[in-house]
């Protein structure tokens, strides 16, 4: 069964390669979705795939790349369709 969630990650997550790291990690787990910076300094992502892979990604988001310092990973329901593959989207 496919699980899809939207997450907002806050802390020191911009300017530390967090989006690229998220794209690489999510792709390695076989997830579909996207990641983008938000103007408020957070990073937002949609993760879709096997529940165990989505949960593994959410756990990994707490660590992020070496220079990141994550304060929170907020999780939300997401019911919109998700395109295949994992992409980096422009800042909103």
Protein backbone atom coordinates (compact mmCIF):
# COMPACT_ATOMS: atom_id res chain seq x y z
CA UNK A 1 0.00 0.00 0.00
CA UNK A 2 1.23 3.47 -0.89
CA UNK A 3 1.52 6.14 1.80
CA UNK A 4 1.77 9.83 0.92
CA UNK A 5 2.59 12.61 3.37
CA UNK A 6 3.70 16.23 3.28
CA UNK A 7 6.39 17.29 5.73
CA UNK A 8 7.78 20.66 6.75
CA UNK A 9 11.29 20.59 8.19
CA UNK A 10 12.50 23.54 10.24
CA UNK A 11 15.83 24.53 11.72
CA UNK A 12 19.06 25.20 9.85
CA UNK A 13 17.92 23.49 6.65
CA UNK A 14 18.58 26.04 3.91
CA UNK A 15 22.03 26.71 2.50
CA UNK A 16 23.29 23.34 3.78
CA UNK A 17 22.45 21.12 0.75
CA UNK A 18 19.30 19.82 2.47
CA UNK A 19 17.19 19.71 -0.72
CA UNK A 20 19.85 17.84 -2.72
CA UNK A 21 20.39 15.42 0.16
CA UNK A 22 16.61 14.87 0.42
CA UNK A 23 16.35 14.20 -3.32
CA UNK A 24 19.22 11.68 -3.20
CA UNK A 25 17.95 9.91 -0.08
CA UNK A 26 14.33 9.73 -1.24
CA UNK A 27 15.38 8.47 -4.67
CA UNK A 28 17.56 5.79 -3.06
CA UNK A 29 14.52 4.63 -1.07
CA UNK A 30 12.44 4.50 -4.26
CA UNK A 31 10.09 7.28 -3.17
CA UNK A 32 8.12 9.58 -5.43
CA UNK A 33 7.50 13.23 -4.59
CA UNK A 34 9.32 16.52 -4.36
CA UNK A 35 11.22 18.91 -2.08
CA UNK A 36 11.48 22.71 -2.04
CA UNK A 37 12.64 25.61 0.11
CA UNK A 38 10.04 27.91 1.61
CA UNK A 39 10.53 31.62 2.11
CA UNK A 40 10.10 31.20 5.88
CA UNK A 41 13.41 29.26 6.00
CA UNK A 42 11.89 25.79 6.22
CA UNK A 43 11.98 22.95 3.70
CA UNK A 44 8.78 21.28 2.49
CA UNK A 45 8.55 17.84 0.91
CA UNK A 46 5.95 15.37 -0.32
CA UNK A 47 6.94 11.73 0.13
CA UNK A 48 5.06 8.85 -1.49
CA UNK A 49 5.82 5.14 -1.48
CA UNK A 50 5.74 2.05 0.67
CA UNK A 51 4.87 2.96 4.25
CA UNK A 52 8.14 1.55 5.63
CA UNK A 53 10.16 3.61 3.12
CA UNK A 54 8.22 6.80 3.89
CA UNK A 55 8.78 6.22 7.62
CA UNK A 56 12.49 5.58 7.02
CA UNK A 57 12.71 8.86 5.10
CA UNK A 58 10.93 10.80 7.83
CA UNK A 59 13.42 9.40 10.37
CA UNK A 60 16.30 10.36 8.08
CA UNK A 61 14.95 13.91 7.73
CA UNK A 62 15.73 14.47 11.42
CA UNK A 63 19.44 13.99 10.60
CA UNK A 64 19.78 15.51 7.14
CA UNK A 65 23.18 16.39 5.69
CA UNK A 66 26.15 17.13 7.95
CA UNK A 67 25.65 20.92 8.16
CA UNK A 68 21.90 20.75 8.93
CA UNK A 69 20.41 21.27 12.38
CA UNK A 70 16.80 20.09 12.37
CA UNK A 71 14.44 21.46 15.04
CA UNK A 72 11.17 19.90 13.84
CA UNK A 73 9.68 17.62 11.20
CA UNK A 74 5.96 18.35 11.01
CA UNK A 75 3.85 15.78 9.18
CA UNK A 76 0.58 16.42 7.33
CA UNK A 77 -1.86 14.39 5.28
CA UNK A 78 -1.49 14.74 1.51
CA UNK A 79 -4.16 13.48 -0.87
CA UNK A 80 -3.14 15.10 -4.18
CA UNK A 81 -1.64 12.88 -6.90
CA UNK A 82 2.15 12.57 -6.93
CA UNK A 83 4.12 12.29 -10.19
CA UNK A 84 6.62 9.42 -10.55
CA UNK A 85 10.20 10.18 -9.54
CA UNK A 86 11.56 12.67 -7.04
CA UNK A 87 12.17 16.32 -7.96
CA UNK A 88 13.51 19.56 -6.52
CA UNK A 89 10.92 22.31 -6.97
CA UNK A 90 11.43 26.09 -6.90
CA UNK A 91 11.14 28.04 -3.65
CA UNK A 92 7.67 29.23 -2.62
